């Protein structure tokens, strides 16, 4: 529908010819065939008319004064607004070079005068059909691109939501494995990791060491200084143990109450003993006052150590039981020390030591 007309038309065509009679004849014929026709007698008028109302098609004469058809076509093709208008040249020039030039400057068809009316109508309808199909294709491509953009946006939003959900789940899993007070791993994480490493080291036939730690006379500390101070003591001890354990694969966990556990994969008995000594050293450096202790005027810790090479026949509970026996032996020995469980052909035995005594021996030497 052309603005100002009450009925639809087959197309909006701009006729450009310096011969008024040619314009009148062609305009009358095309109007009868249902086209909306505008006329221009020269190139300047044609360019102005094309910019004022974009035509569906331009029929353009070549031989015109001041500005010929080639120049008009070139000017229209250089403008972003009019460059897509299909242009059919209609001229008396019948030389091949003239036709080639018409296509070089941007024409899409060429009709030689005198023309046959049926040919003109056929060529016009063919070009308008091509233009309509191109417009439909562009519209479909536009709609498809909009859908693709929406789809990509939706995919991106879903990915972001999935990533956010994964992060939230990881955070929840982490929180579920962390002791709320001391911020080290909790008993649940200890049990999971201990089983995991036991199974893995069974396959690799590598040693697994376990250290159980117990704060000496902690009940007396709570009774003397109060539970808030006891909680703070647990926090500091947990962090000190964590600082003493260096490797990423090692795990520090709150085992229960004032007890902590350290899992040391790929660690032999000498390596575990070295970690235990380091733990005692870190606890001593805290210098937390404990006047109710029977072994020292600061908070101390007792440690039980055991090392095994996991096997399919041996239960993982045996390693925990042996480390617990070593811890019990450390307490029986006088606390503030470490004991290593030794499984020998003749039976069980323990080797105990004290970090402070070792320092004293080194000083005397």
Protein backbone atom coordinates (compact mmCIF):
# COMPACT_ATOMS: atom_id res chain seq x y z
CA UNK A 1 0.00 0.00 0.00
CA UNK A 2 1.43 3.38 -1.04
CA UNK A 3 0.72 6.30 1.28
CA UNK A 4 -2.00 8.48 -0.29
CA UNK A 5 -3.56 5.59 -2.28
CA UNK A 6 -6.71 3.77 -1.24
CA UNK A 7 -5.93 0.51 -3.02
CA UNK A 8 -2.84 -1.72 -3.00
CA UNK A 9 -0.47 -1.52 -5.98
CA UNK A 10 1.92 -3.99 -7.53
CA UNK A 11 4.95 -1.76 -6.94
CA UNK A 12 6.29 1.76 -6.61
CA UNK A 13 8.31 2.58 -9.74
CA UNK A 14 10.38 5.68 -10.51
CA UNK A 15 10.69 6.50 -14.27
CA UNK A 16 13.68 8.64 -15.23
CA UNK A 17 13.83 10.02 -18.80
CA UNK A 18 14.50 13.47 -20.24
CA UNK A 19 11.85 12.83 -22.91
CA UNK A 20 8.47 13.84 -21.48
CA UNK A 21 6.60 11.92 -24.15
CA UNK A 22 8.43 8.69 -23.29
CA UNK A 23 7.59 9.24 -19.64
CA UNK A 24 3.93 9.84 -20.37
CA UNK A 25 3.51 6.75 -22.56
CA UNK A 26 5.37 4.38 -20.24
CA UNK A 27 3.71 5.86 -17.16
CA UNK A 28 0.23 5.35 -18.62
CA UNK A 29 0.94 1.75 -19.58
CA UNK A 30 2.43 0.79 -16.18
CA UNK A 31 -0.30 2.56 -14.24
CA UNK A 32 -2.90 0.47 -16.08
CA UNK A 33 -0.98 -2.64 -15.01
CA UNK A 34 -1.36 -1.69 -11.37
CA UNK A 35 1.90 0.13 -10.63
CA UNK A 36 2.30 3.39 -8.76
CA UNK A 37 4.42 5.62 -11.00
CA UNK A 38 6.55 8.68 -10.26
CA UNK A 39 8.47 10.55 -12.97
CA UNK A 40 11.75 12.48 -13.17
CA UNK A 41 12.98 14.42 -16.23
CA UNK A 42 16.66 14.51 -15.20
CA UNK A 43 19.24 12.92 -12.92
CA UNK A 44 19.06 15.48 -10.12
CA UNK A 45 15.27 15.12 -9.88
CA UNK A 46 15.64 11.33 -9.89
CA UNK A 47 18.10 11.33 -6.96
CA UNK A 48 15.88 13.72 -4.97
CA UNK A 49 12.75 11.65 -5.66
CA UNK A 50 14.49 8.39 -4.75
CA UNK A 51 15.57 9.80 -1.37
CA UNK A 52 12.16 11.33 -0.68
CA UNK A 53 10.30 8.02 -1.15
CA UNK A 54 12.31 4.87 -1.74
CA UNK A 55 10.95 3.22 -4.90
CA UNK A 56 10.71 -0.53 -5.38
CA UNK A 57 12.33 -0.18 -8.82
CA UNK A 58 13.87 2.49 -11.06
CA UNK A 59 13.62 2.51 -14.87
CA UNK A 60 16.55 4.73 -15.88
CA UNK A 61 17.43 6.26 -19.26
CA UNK A 62 21.13 6.68 -20.07
CA UNK A 63 21.33 9.64 -22.46
CA UNK A 64 20.26 12.66 -20.40
CA UNK A 65 21.73 16.18 -20.26
CA UNK A 66 23.84 17.39 -17.30
CA UNK A 67 23.86 13.98 -15.58
CA UNK A 68 23.61 10.73 -17.55
CA UNK A 69 22.10 7.48 -16.37
CA UNK A 70 25.45 5.94 -15.42
CA UNK A 71 26.21 8.90 -13.14
CA UNK A 72 22.73 8.76 -11.59
CA UNK A 73 23.11 5.03 -10.90
CA UNK A 74 26.59 5.55 -9.42
CA UNK A 75 25.30 8.31 -7.11
CA UNK A 76 22.36 6.16 -5.94
CA UNK A 77 24.62 3.17 -5.26
CA UNK A 78 26.96 5.34 -3.18
CA UNK A 79 24.14 6.34 -0.83
CA UNK A 80 23.33 3.99 2.06
CA UNK A 81 19.65 4.90 1.75
CA UNK A 82 19.27 4.13 -1.98
CA UNK A 83 22.03 1.62 -2.74
CA UNK A 84 19.68 -1.39 -2.55
CA UNK A 85 17.12 -0.06 -5.09
CA UNK A 86 17.09 -2.29 -8.21
CA UNK A 87 17.77 -0.26 -11.39
CA UNK A 88 16.82 -1.32 -14.91
CA UNK A 89 18.47 0.70 -17.67
CA UNK A 90 16.22 1.45 -20.65
CA UNK A 91 18.05 3.04 -23.59
CA UNK A 92 18.51 3.26 -27.35
CA UNK A 93 22.17 2.35 -26.88
CA UNK A 94 22.62 -1.18 -28.13
CA UNK A 95 26.40 -1.50 -27.96
CA UNK A 96 27.78 -4.32 -25.83
CA UNK A 97 30.15 -1.93 -24.03
CA UNK A 98 27.21 0.29 -23.04
CA UNK A 99 25.41 -2.68 -21.56
CA UNK A 100 28.53 -3.88 -19.75
CA UNK A 101 29.03 -0.43 -18.24
CA UNK A 102 25.40 -0.39 -17.11
CA UNK A 103 25.98 -3.56 -15.11
CA UNK A 104 29.36 -2.32 -13.80
CA UNK A 105 27.83 0.81 -12.22
CA UNK A 106 25.14 -1.26 -10.48
CA UNK A 107 22.29 -1.94 -12.90
CA UNK A 108 20.49 -5.27 -12.64
CA UNK A 109 18.93 -5.39 -16.13
CA UNK A 110 19.04 -3.64 -19.49
CA UNK A 111 16.18 -3.01 -21.95
CA UNK A 112 16.90 -1.67 -25.44
CA UNK A 113 14.59 0.91 -27.08
CA UNK A 114 12.34 0.56 -28.89
CA UNK A 115 11.05 -1.94 -26.40
CA UNK A 116 8.26 -4.49 -26.45
CA UNK A 117 5.68 -3.77 -23.77
CA UNK A 118 5.41 -7.43 -22.77
CA UNK A 119 9.17 -7.58 -22.31
CA UNK A 120 9.19 -4.48 -20.09
CA UNK A 121 6.34 -5.84 -17.93
CA UNK A 122 8.00 -9.24 -17.68
CA UNK A 123 11.36 -7.77 -16.67
CA UNK A 124 9.75 -5.43 -14.14
CA UNK A 125 7.71 -8.22 -12.56
CA UNK A 126 10.73 -10.50 -12.49
CA UNK A 127 12.88 -7.91 -10.68
CA UNK A 128 10.10 -6.99 -8.26
CA UNK A 129 9.56 -10.68 -7.51
CA UNK A 130 13.28 -11.08 -6.83
CA UNK A 131 13.16 -8.00 -4.59
CA UNK A 132 10.16 -9.36 -2.68
CA UNK A 133 11.85 -12.73 -2.21
CA UNK A 134 15.02 -11.00 -1.01
CA UNK A 135 12.96 -8.89 1.40
CA UNK A 136 11.19 -12.01 2.69
CA UNK A 137 14.52 -13.79 3.06
CA UNK A 138 15.99 -10.83 4.92
CA UNK A 139 12.96 -10.71 7.20
CA UNK A 140 13.22 -14.44 7.88
CA UNK A 141 16.93 -14.04 8.54
CA UNK A 142 16.20 -11.13 10.88
CA UNK A 143 13.60 -13.14 12.78
CA UNK A 144 15.94 -16.14 12.86
CA UNK A 145 18.79 -13.98 14.15
CA UNK A 146 16.52 -12.54 16.84
CA UNK A 147 15.56 -16.07 17.85
CA UNK A 148 19.22 -17.09 17.82
CA UNK A 149 20.08 -14.12 20.02
CA UNK A 150 17.27 -15.04 22.41
CA UNK A 151 18.40 -18.67 22.34
CA UNK A 152 22.04 -17.72 22.97
CA UNK A 153 20.92 -15.42 25.78
CA UNK A 154 18.81 -18.19 27.28
CA UNK A 155 21.67 -20.67 26.97
CA UNK A 156 24.04 -18.19 28.60
CA UNK A 157 21.54 -17.53 31.38
CA UNK A 158 21.12 -21.26 31.95
CA UNK A 159 24.89 -21.75 31.99
CA UNK A 160 25.24 -18.92 34.49
CA UNK A 161 22.45 -20.41 36.59
CA UNK A 162 24.08 -23.86 36.44
CA UNK A 163 27.47 -22.40 37.38
CA UNK A 164 25.87 -20.46 40.24
CA UNK A 165 24.12 -23.64 41.37
CA UNK A 166 27.37 -25.62 41.17
CA UNK A 167 29.17 -22.96 43.21
CA UNK A 168 26.35 -22.94 45.74
CA UNK A 169 26.43 -26.75 45.97
CA UNK A 170 30.21 -26.74 46.34
CA UNK A 171 29.90 -24.13 49.07
CA UNK A 172 27.23 -26.20 50.81
CA UNK A 173 29.35 -29.35 50.47
CA UNK A 174 32.31 -27.48 51.88
CA UNK A 175 30.24 -26.12 54.74
CA UNK A 176 28.91 -29.61 55.40
CA UNK A 177 32.51 -30.85 55.73
CA UNK A 178 33.83 -28.02 57.93
CA UNK A 179 33.68 -27.86 61.69
CA UNK A 180 31.77 -24.70 62.52
CA UNK A 181 33.92 -23.72 65.50
CA UNK A 182 37.48 -24.53 64.47
CA UNK A 183 37.08 -24.19 60.66
CA UNK A 184 39.03 -27.38 60.01
CA UNK A 185 37.41 -30.51 58.54
CA UNK A 186 34.75 -32.20 60.62
CA UNK A 187 34.32 -35.86 61.59
CA UNK A 188 32.18 -36.55 58.52
CA UNK A 189 34.91 -35.30 56.19
CA UNK A 190 37.50 -37.28 58.16
CA UNK A 191 35.56 -40.53 57.70
CA UNK A 192 35.05 -39.94 53.95
CA UNK A 193 38.64 -38.93 53.26
CA UNK A 194 40.12 -41.69 55.39
CA UNK A 195 38.18 -44.38 53.49
CA UNK A 196 39.05 -42.77 50.15
CA UNK A 197 42.79 -42.69 50.89
CA UNK A 198 42.78 -46.20 52.36
CA UNK A 199 41.26 -47.64 49.16
CA UNK A 200 43.62 -45.62 46.95
CA UNK A 201 46.74 -46.63 48.87
CA UNK A 202 45.69 -50.30 48.87
CA UNK A 203 46.04 -50.15 45.08
CA UNK A 204 49.33 -48.23 45.21
CA UNK A 205 50.81 -50.22 48.12
CA UNK A 206 51.96 -46.96 49.76
CA UNK A 207 51.97 -46.10 53.49
CA UNK A 208 49.20 -44.18 55.26
CA UNK A 209 49.88 -42.48 58.59
CA UNK A 210 47.39 -41.23 61.16
CA UNK A 211 47.98 -38.89 64.11
CA UNK A 212 45.36 -38.52 66.84
CA UNK A 213 45.76 -35.43 69.04
CA UNK A 214 44.18 -34.62 72.40
CA UNK A 215 44.49 -31.35 74.33
CA UNK A 216 45.81 -32.12 77.80
CA UNK A 217 43.45 -31.39 80.73
CA UNK A 218 41.03 -29.51 78.52
CA UNK A 219 38.08 -30.05 80.91
CA UNK A 220 40.11 -28.38 83.62
CA UNK A 221 40.86 -25.52 81.21
CA UNK A 222 37.13 -25.04 80.54
CA UNK A 223 36.31 -25.19 84.25
CA UNK A 224 39.00 -22.63 85.05
CA UNK A 225 38.69 -20.13 82.19
CA UNK A 226 35.10 -20.73 80.99
CA UNK A 227 33.64 -22.18 77.81
CA UNK A 228 34.18 -19.07 75.63
CA UNK A 229 37.89 -19.24 76.42
CA UNK A 230 37.75 -22.98 75.78
CA UNK A 231 36.26 -22.38 72.35
CA UNK A 232 38.99 -19.85 71.55
CA UNK A 233 41.61 -22.36 72.70
CA UNK A 234 40.16 -25.00 70.34
CA UNK A 235 40.27 -22.54 67.44
CA UNK A 236 43.92 -21.64 68.05
CA UNK A 237 44.98 -25.26 68.50
CA UNK A 238 43.19 -26.28 65.28
CA UNK A 239 44.94 -23.54 63.30
CA UNK A 240 48.31 -24.41 64.85
CA UNK A 241 47.89 -28.05 63.79
CA UNK A 242 46.89 -26.92 60.29
CA UNK A 243 50.02 -24.78 60.06
CA UNK A 244 52.15 -27.74 61.08
CA UNK A 245 50.72 -29.92 58.29
CA UNK A 246 52.21 -28.70 55.02
CA UNK A 247 51.02 -30.83 52.09
CA UNK A 248 47.72 -30.27 50.24
CA UNK A 249 46.90 -34.01 50.36
CA UNK A 250 47.15 -34.08 54.18
CA UNK A 251 43.93 -33.53 56.15
CA UNK A 252 43.39 -31.96 59.58
CA UNK A 253 40.01 -32.69 61.17
CA UNK A 254 38.26 -32.17 64.47
CA UNK A 255 37.78 -35.74 65.61
CA UNK A 256 35.51 -34.94 68.54
CA UNK A 257 35.49 -32.57 71.53
CA UNK A 258 39.09 -31.58 72.18
CA UNK A 259 40.48 -34.31 69.89
CA UNK A 260 41.92 -33.69 66.42
CA UNK A 261 43.10 -36.10 63.73
CA UNK A 262 45.67 -35.75 60.96
CA UNK A 263 45.59 -38.01 57.87
CA UNK A 264 48.96 -38.27 56.08
CA UNK A 265 48.83 -40.22 52.77
CA UNK A 266 52.12 -41.47 51.28
CA UNK A 267 53.84 -40.87 54.65
CA UNK A 268 56.03 -43.38 56.47
CA UNK A 269 56.56 -43.55 60.24
CA UNK A 270 59.54 -41.16 60.19
CA UNK A 271 57.54 -38.60 58.21
CA UNK A 272 54.60 -38.91 60.60
CA UNK A 273 56.92 -38.49 63.59
CA UNK A 274 58.33 -35.31 62.03
CA UNK A 275 54.80 -33.90 61.60
CA UNK A 276 53.92 -34.81 65.21
CA UNK A 277 56.99 -32.97 66.50
CA UNK A 278 56.08 -29.97 64.37
CA UNK A 279 52.55 -30.00 65.82
CA UNK A 280 53.90 -29.98 69.37
CA UNK A 281 56.24 -27.13 68.46
CA UNK A 282 53.36 -25.06 67.02
CA UNK A 283 51.20 -25.70 70.10
CA UNK A 284 54.04 -24.59 72.39
CA UNK A 285 54.46 -21.40 70.37
CA UNK A 286 50.82 -20.51 71.06
CA UNK A 287 51.81 -20.05 74.72
CA UNK A 288 48.18 -20.33 75.94
CA UNK A 289 48.20 -20.10 79.75
CA UNK A 290 46.82 -23.17 81.58
CA UNK A 291 47.30 -22.94 85.32
CA UNK A 292 45.04 -25.97 85.91
CA UNK A 293 47.27 -28.35 83.92
CA UNK A 294 49.23 -31.01 85.83
CA UNK A 295 52.01 -31.15 83.24
CA UNK A 296 52.74 -27.55 82.22
CA UNK A 297 51.63 -23.96 82.83
CA UNK A 298 50.60 -23.62 79.15
CA UNK A 299 48.27 -25.65 76.93
CA UNK A 300 49.92 -28.85 75.71
CA UNK A 301 48.87 -31.74 73.54
CA UNK A 302 49.27 -35.51 73.50
CA UNK A 303 49.63 -37.40 70.22
CA UNK A 304 49.20 -41.00 69.08
CA UNK A 305 50.87 -42.02 65.80
CA UNK A 306 50.46 -45.08 63.64
CA UNK A 307 51.62 -45.96 60.12
CA UNK A 308 50.41 -48.82 57.95
CA UNK A 309 50.56 -49.95 54.34
CA UNK A 310 46.86 -50.58 53.66
CA UNK A 311 45.97 -54.06 52.46
CA UNK A 312 42.71 -55.62 51.40
CA UNK A 313 42.87 -58.09 54.28
CA UNK A 314 43.39 -55.49 56.98
CA UNK A 315 40.50 -53.30 58.10
CA UNK A 316 41.00 -49.54 58.02
CA UNK A 317 39.60 -49.51 61.57
CA UNK A 318 42.81 -51.19 62.71
CA UNK A 319 44.82 -48.06 61.85
CA UNK A 320 42.46 -45.86 63.88
CA UNK A 321 42.50 -48.36 66.77
CA UNK A 322 46.31 -48.50 66.75
CA UNK A 323 46.64 -44.69 66.69
CA UNK A 324 44.13 -44.51 69.55
CA UNK A 325 46.19 -47.00 71.54
CA UNK A 326 49.27 -44.86 70.94
CA UNK A 327 47.38 -41.77 72.14
CA UNK A 328 46.28 -43.63 75.28
CA UNK A 329 49.88 -44.63 75.88
CA UNK A 330 50.99 -40.99 75.51
CA UNK A 331 48.50 -39.99 78.19
CA UNK A 332 49.59 -42.83 80.45
CA UNK A 333 53.21 -41.83 79.96
CA UNK A 334 52.50 -38.39 81.40
CA UNK A 335 50.87 -36.38 78.56
CA UNK A 336 52.52 -33.52 76.66
CA UNK A 337 54.24 -36.13 74.49
CA UNK A 338 53.80 -38.30 71.41
CA UNK A 339 53.78 -42.07 71.13
CA UNK A 340 54.21 -44.19 68.00
CA UNK A 341 52.45 -47.53 67.75
CA UNK A 342 54.81 -50.28 66.59
CA UNK A 343 53.46 -53.58 65.33
CA UNK A 344 56.21 -56.18 65.66
CA UNK A 345 56.35 -59.99 65.39
CA UNK A 346 56.62 -60.30 69.15
CA UNK A 347 53.59 -58.03 69.71
CA UNK A 348 52.63 -54.42 70.19
CA UNK A 349 55.02 -51.76 71.48
CA UNK A 350 55.25 -48.00 71.67
CA UNK A 351 57.98 -45.45 71.20
CA UNK A 352 57.31 -42.18 72.99
CA UNK A 353 58.99 -38.78 72.93
CA UNK A 354 58.54 -35.18 74.02
CA UNK A 355 59.33 -32.12 71.96
CA UNK A 356 60.39 -30.09 74.99
CA UNK A 357 62.71 -32.88 76.18
CA UNK A 358 64.27 -33.10 72.72
CA UNK A 359 64.94 -29.37 72.79
CA UNK A 360 66.49 -29.71 76.22
CA UNK A 361 68.71 -32.59 75.05
CA UNK A 362 69.85 -30.60 72.03
CA UNK A 363 70.67 -27.61 74.26
CA UNK A 364 72.72 -29.75 76.66
CA UNK A 365 74.65 -31.24 73.77
